[in-house]
Amino acid sequence: GFVMNLQPSEAEVGIDIRIPPSVHTEALEKRLAEEWAPSSRNMTFEFKQKGSVLDKLGKPAMTIADSSNPWWPVFEESVRRAGGKLGKPEIFPASTDARYFREIGIPAFGFSPMANTPVLLHDHNEFLSKDEYLKGIGIYESVIKALATHKDDGIDEESRAEL
């Protein structure tokens, strides 16, 4: 049965820490080892999944969202031209599949044209209005056409073929 003042021989805790791609996991791991789970406490921890601030080529894995990235102005303009609006770029606190592209050196953004919609991710009755859905299709069409036909003088033909 349950006894209030009995110290268990073992306990296990799961903590979901959402680490943005701008944070070095090595630094967090070092901090956890020193502050939360030093060997003197007989505690251990493990990461089930770790990201990196660098891609497989050793370059920063975060995609730049400003005019220094030749694809960003094309993306911005294509959304605007289709009647959409972009808010300030931000890092989504959960994971997206875009991280797999960034890990291998391919710039990627997560993007969903869903204005005037309550945030109901994984909630009961998650929905998108018909009008917003149809407007989003037009925005996606504009973005895909613009990115697929963009000519950037800084990209050689071999790299363009890969994209």
C-alpha atoms as a PDB file:
ATOM      1  CA  GLY A   1       0.000   0.000   0.000  1.00  0.00           C
ATOM      2  CA  PHE A   2       0.871   3.677   0.055  1.00  0.00           C
ATOM      3  CA  VAL A   3       3.046   5.068   2.847  1.00  0.00           C
ATOM      4  CA  MET A   4       3.567   8.851   2.971  1.00  0.00           C
ATOM      5  CA  ASN A   5       7.073   8.991   4.463  1.00  0.00           C
ATOM      6  CA  LEU A   6       8.694   6.010   2.711  1.00  0.00           C
ATOM      7  CA  GLN A   7      11.443   6.880   0.222  1.00  0.00           C
ATOM      8  CA  PRO A   8      11.089   4.708  -2.888  1.00  0.00           C
ATOM      9  CA  SER A   9      14.120   2.815  -4.154  1.00  0.00           C
ATOM     10  CA  GLU A  10      13.544   4.177  -7.643  1.00  0.00           C
ATOM     11  CA  ALA A  11      11.469   6.869  -9.327  1.00  0.00           C
ATOM     12  CA  GLU A  12      11.089   7.857 -12.959  1.00  0.00           C
ATOM     13  CA  VAL A  13       9.972  11.178 -14.400  1.00  0.00           C
ATOM     14  CA  GLY A  14       9.322  12.185 -17.997  1.00  0.00           C
ATOM     15  CA  ILE A  15       9.767  15.850 -18.869  1.00  0.00           C
ATOM     16  CA  ASP A  16       8.867  17.231 -22.286  1.00  0.00           C
ATOM     17  CA  ILE A  17      11.308  20.061 -23.005  1.00  0.00           C
ATOM     18  CA  ARG A  18      10.758  21.784 -26.351  1.00  0.00           C
ATOM     19  CA  ILE A  19      14.205  22.963 -27.406  1.00  0.00           C
ATOM     20  CA  PRO A  20      14.226  25.528 -30.232  1.00  0.00           C
ATOM     21  CA  PRO A  21      16.777  25.029 -33.018  1.00  0.00           C
ATOM     22  CA  SER A  22      18.629  28.124 -31.807  1.00  0.00           C
ATOM     23  CA  VAL A  23      19.696  26.374 -28.572  1.00  0.00           C
ATOM     24  CA  HIS A  24      22.766  24.160 -28.393  1.00  0.00           C
ATOM     25  CA  THR A  25      21.587  20.869 -26.879  1.00  0.00           C
ATOM     26  CA  GLU A  26      25.107  20.223 -25.572  1.00  0.00           C
ATOM     27  CA  ALA A  27      24.887  23.337 -23.387  1.00  0.00           C
ATOM     28  CA  LEU A  28      21.476  22.280 -22.062  1.00  0.00           C
ATOM     29  CA  GLU A  29      22.712  18.746 -21.416  1.00  0.00           C
ATOM     30  CA  LYS A  30      25.709  20.122 -19.473  1.00  0.00           C
ATOM     31  CA  ARG A  31      23.435  22.374 -17.408  1.00  0.00           C
ATOM     32  CA  LEU A  32      21.081  19.496 -16.594  1.00  0.00           C
ATOM     33  CA  ALA A  33      23.998  17.308 -15.524  1.00  0.00           C
ATOM     34  CA  GLU A  34      25.462  20.013 -13.294  1.00  0.00           C
ATOM     35  CA  GLU A  35      22.323  21.566 -11.774  1.00  0.00           C
ATOM     36  CA  TRP A  36      19.521  19.013 -11.894  1.00  0.00           C
ATOM     37  CA  ALA A  37      21.139  15.611 -11.912  1.00  0.00           C
ATOM     38  CA  PRO A  38      24.661  15.748 -10.506  1.00  0.00           C
ATOM     39  CA  SER A  39      26.193  12.352  -9.715  1.00  0.00           C
ATOM     40  CA  SER A  40      26.008  13.192  -5.991  1.00  0.00           C
ATOM     41  CA  ARG A  41      22.205  12.896  -6.235  1.00  0.00           C
ATOM     42  CA  ASN A  42      22.415   9.469  -7.885  1.00  0.00           C
ATOM     43  CA  MET A  43      20.211  10.758 -10.716  1.00  0.00           C
ATOM     44  CA  THR A  44      20.478  10.165 -14.434  1.00  0.00           C
ATOM     45  CA  PHE A  45      18.686  11.543 -17.466  1.00  0.00           C
ATOM     46  CA  GLU A  46      18.475  10.862 -21.157  1.00  0.00           C
ATOM     47  CA  PHE A  47      17.259  12.697 -24.225  1.00  0.00           C
ATOM     48  CA  LYS A  48      14.800  10.732 -26.345  1.00  0.00           C
ATOM     49  CA  GLN A  49      15.475  13.102 -29.227  1.00  0.00           C
ATOM     50  CA  LYS A  50      18.072  15.817 -29.794  1.00  0.00           C
ATOM     51  CA  GLY A  51      18.290  18.427 -32.485  1.00  0.00           C
ATOM     52  CA  SER A  52      21.297  20.410 -33.558  1.00  0.00           C
ATOM     53  CA  VAL A  53      21.927  24.052 -34.389  1.00  0.00           C
ATOM     54  CA  LEU A  54      24.088  22.815 -37.285  1.00  0.00           C
ATOM     55  CA  ASP A  55      23.059  20.776 -40.310  1.00  0.00           C
ATOM     56  CA  LYS A  56      24.953  17.709 -41.604  1.00  0.00           C
ATOM     57  CA  LEU A  57      27.282  20.058 -43.526  1.00  0.00           C
ATOM     58  CA  GLY A  58      28.183  22.026 -40.378  1.00  0.00           C
ATOM     59  CA  LYS A  59      26.197  25.120 -41.390  1.00  0.00           C
ATOM     60  CA  PRO A  60      23.517  26.766 -39.195  1.00  0.00           C
ATOM     61  CA  ALA A  61      20.326  24.698 -39.479  1.00  0.00           C
ATOM     62  CA  MET A  62      17.913  27.590 -38.965  1.00  0.00           C
ATOM     63  CA  THR A  63      16.491  29.050 -42.145  1.00  0.00           C
ATOM     64  CA  ILE A  64      17.020  32.808 -42.331  1.00  0.00           C
ATOM     65  CA  ALA A  65      13.771  34.786 -42.665  1.00  0.00           C
ATOM     66  CA  ASP A  66      15.028  38.071 -44.090  1.00  0.00           C
ATOM     67  CA  SER A  67      16.292  39.534 -47.365  1.00  0.00           C
ATOM     68  CA  SER A  68      19.728  37.904 -46.931  1.00  0.00           C
ATOM     69  CA  ASN A  69      17.963  34.653 -47.887  1.00  0.00           C
ATOM     70  CA  PRO A  70      17.167  34.965 -51.630  1.00  0.00           C
ATOM     71  CA  TRP A  71      14.049  32.797 -51.222  1.00  0.00           C
ATOM     72  CA  TRP A  72      12.457  34.858 -48.422  1.00  0.00           C
ATOM     73  CA  PRO A  73      11.451  37.949 -50.474  1.00  0.00           C
ATOM     74  CA  VAL A  74      10.035  35.640 -53.166  1.00  0.00           C
ATOM     75  CA  PHE A  75       7.995  33.814 -50.534  1.00  0.00           C
ATOM     76  CA  GLU A  76       6.821  37.060 -48.880  1.00  0.00           C
ATOM     77  CA  GLU A  77       5.778  38.642 -52.174  1.00  0.00           C
ATOM     78  CA  SER A  78       3.942  35.528 -53.378  1.00  0.00           C
ATOM     79  CA  VAL A  79       1.882  35.405 -50.171  1.00  0.00           C
ATOM     80  CA  ARG A  80       1.076  39.135 -50.418  1.00  0.00           C
ATOM     81  CA  ARG A  81       0.182  38.865 -54.119  1.00  0.00           C
ATOM     82  CA  ALA A  82      -2.331  36.114 -53.307  1.00  0.00           C
ATOM     83  CA  GLY A  83      -4.027  38.277 -50.680  1.00  0.00           C
ATOM     84  CA  GLY A  84      -2.368  36.685 -47.663  1.00  0.00           C
ATOM     85  CA  LYS A  85      -0.458  38.295 -44.829  1.00  0.00           C
ATOM     86  CA  LEU A  86       2.602  37.110 -42.963  1.00  0.00           C
ATOM     87  CA  GLY A  87       3.140  37.727 -39.295  1.00  0.00           C
ATOM     88  CA  LYS A  88       6.548  37.950 -37.709  1.00  0.00           C
ATOM     89  CA  PRO A  89       8.430  34.677 -38.306  1.00  0.00           C
ATOM     90  CA  GLU A  90       8.660  32.583 -35.178  1.00  0.00           C
ATOM     91  CA  ILE A  91       9.879  29.173 -34.124  1.00  0.00           C
ATOM     92  CA  PHE A  92       7.048  26.709 -33.614  1.00  0.00           C
ATOM     93  CA  PRO A  93       7.450  25.258 -30.090  1.00  0.00           C
ATOM     94  CA  ALA A  94       6.711  21.705 -31.214  1.00  0.00           C
ATOM     95  CA  SER A  95       8.293  19.845 -34.085  1.00  0.00           C
ATOM     96  CA  THR A  96       7.566  20.055 -37.779  1.00  0.00           C
ATOM     97  CA  ASP A  97       8.792  17.895 -40.629  1.00  0.00           C
ATOM     98  CA  ALA A  98      10.731  20.919 -41.921  1.00  0.00           C
ATOM     99  CA  ARG A  99      13.468  19.997 -39.455  1.00  0.00           C
ATOM    100  CA  TYR A 100      14.382  16.937 -41.538  1.00  0.00           C
ATOM    101  CA  PHE A 101      15.043  19.135 -44.577  1.00  0.00           C
ATOM    102  CA  ARG A 102      17.061  21.625 -42.536  1.00  0.00           C
ATOM    103  CA  GLU A 103      19.160  18.805 -41.050  1.00  0.00           C
ATOM    104  CA  ILE A 104      20.455  17.944 -44.533  1.00  0.00           C
ATOM    105  CA  GLY A 105      21.090  21.549 -45.516  1.00  0.00           C
ATOM    106  CA  ILE A 106      17.859  22.375 -47.369  1.00  0.00           C
ATOM    107  CA  PRO A 107      16.285  25.650 -46.162  1.00  0.00           C
ATOM    108  CA  ALA A 108      12.699  25.079 -45.024  1.00  0.00           C
ATOM    109  CA  PHE A 109       9.851  26.960 -43.374  1.00  0.00           C
ATOM    110  CA  GLY A 110       6.664  25.727 -41.818  1.00  0.00           C
ATOM    111  CA  PHE A 111       3.774  27.726 -43.259  1.00  0.00           C
ATOM    112  CA  SER A 112       0.006  27.478 -42.952  1.00  0.00           C
ATOM    113  CA  PRO A 113      -2.218  30.173 -44.502  1.00  0.00           C
ATOM    114  CA  MET A 114      -4.836  30.168 -41.743  1.00  0.00           C
ATOM    115  CA  ALA A 115      -5.812  33.725 -40.834  1.00  0.00           C
ATOM    116  CA  ASN A 116      -8.765  34.497 -38.578  1.00  0.00           C
ATOM    117  CA  THR A 117      -8.695  30.976 -37.170  1.00  0.00           C
ATOM    118  CA  PRO A 118      -8.534  29.964 -33.512  1.00  0.00           C
ATOM    119  CA  VAL A 119      -5.444  27.967 -32.550  1.00  0.00           C
ATOM    120  CA  LEU A 120      -6.866  24.499 -31.942  1.00  0.00           C
ATOM    121  CA  LEU A 121      -3.871  22.251 -32.608  1.00  0.00           C
ATOM    122  CA  HIS A 122      -4.785  18.725 -31.441  1.00  0.00           C
ATOM    123  CA  ASP A 123      -7.865  20.126 -29.713  1.00  0.00           C
ATOM    124  CA  HIS A 124     -11.417  18.855 -29.802  1.00  0.00           C
ATOM    125  CA  ASN A 125     -13.316  20.063 -32.873  1.00  0.00           C
ATOM    126  CA  GLU A 126     -10.209  21.348 -34.671  1.00  0.00           C
ATOM    127  CA  PHE A 127     -11.489  23.121 -37.789  1.00  0.00           C
ATOM    128  CA  LEU A 128     -10.787  25.561 -40.593  1.00  0.00           C
ATOM    129  CA  SER A 129     -13.580  27.557 -42.231  1.00  0.00           C
ATOM    130  CA  LYS A 130     -14.412  26.766 -45.855  1.00  0.00           C
ATOM    131  CA  ASP A 131     -13.539  30.295 -47.002  1.00  0.00           C
ATOM    132  CA  GLU A 132     -10.171  30.266 -45.214  1.00  0.00           C
ATOM    133  CA  TYR A 133      -9.411  26.805 -46.627  1.00  0.00           C
ATOM    134  CA  LEU A 134     -10.146  27.910 -50.199  1.00  0.00           C
ATOM    135  CA  LYS A 135      -8.178  31.147 -49.772  1.00  0.00           C
ATOM    136  CA  GLY A 136      -5.263  29.060 -48.460  1.00  0.00           C
ATOM    137  CA  ILE A 137      -5.251  26.949 -51.625  1.00  0.00           C
ATOM    138  CA  GLY A 138      -4.810  30.115 -53.694  1.00  0.00           C
ATOM    139  CA  ILE A 139      -1.955  31.254 -51.460  1.00  0.00           C
ATOM    140  CA  TYR A 140      -0.229  27.874 -51.756  1.00  0.00           C
ATOM    141  CA  GLU A 141      -0.596  28.032 -55.560  1.00  0.00           C
ATOM    142  CA  SER A 142       1.028  31.465 -55.599  1.00  0.00           C
ATOM    143  CA  VAL A 143       3.901  30.375 -53.334  1.00  0.00           C
ATOM    144  CA  ILE A 144       4.613  27.183 -55.284  1.00  0.00           C
ATOM    145  CA  LYS A 145       4.601  28.982 -58.647  1.00  0.00           C
ATOM    146  CA  ALA A 146       6.856  31.768 -57.364  1.00  0.00           C
ATOM    147  CA  LEU A 147       9.415  29.480 -55.733  1.00  0.00           C
ATOM    148  CA  ALA A 148       9.429  27.002 -58.622  1.00  0.00           C
ATOM    149  CA  THR A 149      10.126  29.698 -61.218  1.00  0.00           C
ATOM    150  CA  HIS A 150      12.482  31.930 -59.201  1.00  0.00           C
ATOM    151  CA  LYS A 151      15.873  32.474 -60.828  1.00  0.00           C
ATOM    152  CA  ASP A 152      18.593  33.297 -58.332  1.00  0.00           C
ATOM    153  CA  ASP A 153      21.921  34.247 -59.867  1.00  0.00           C
ATOM    154  CA  GLY A 154      23.694  33.001 -56.745  1.00  0.00           C
ATOM    155  CA  ILE A 155      22.573  29.398 -57.316  1.00  0.00           C
ATOM    156  CA  ASP A 156      24.472  27.269 -59.823  1.00  0.00           C
ATOM    157  CA  GLU A 157      22.562  24.977 -62.188  1.00  0.00           C
ATOM    158  CA  GLU A 158      23.521  21.788 -60.315  1.00  0.00           C
ATOM    159  CA  SER A 159      22.135  23.182 -57.047  1.00  0.00           C
ATOM    160  CA  ARG A 160      19.013  24.457 -58.839  1.00  0.00           C
ATOM    161  CA  ALA A 161      18.426  20.958 -60.242  1.00  0.00           C
ATOM    162  CA  GLU A 162      18.601  19.527 -56.696  1.00  0.00           C
ATOM    163  CA  LEU A 163      15.954  21.979 -55.513  1.00  0.00           C
END
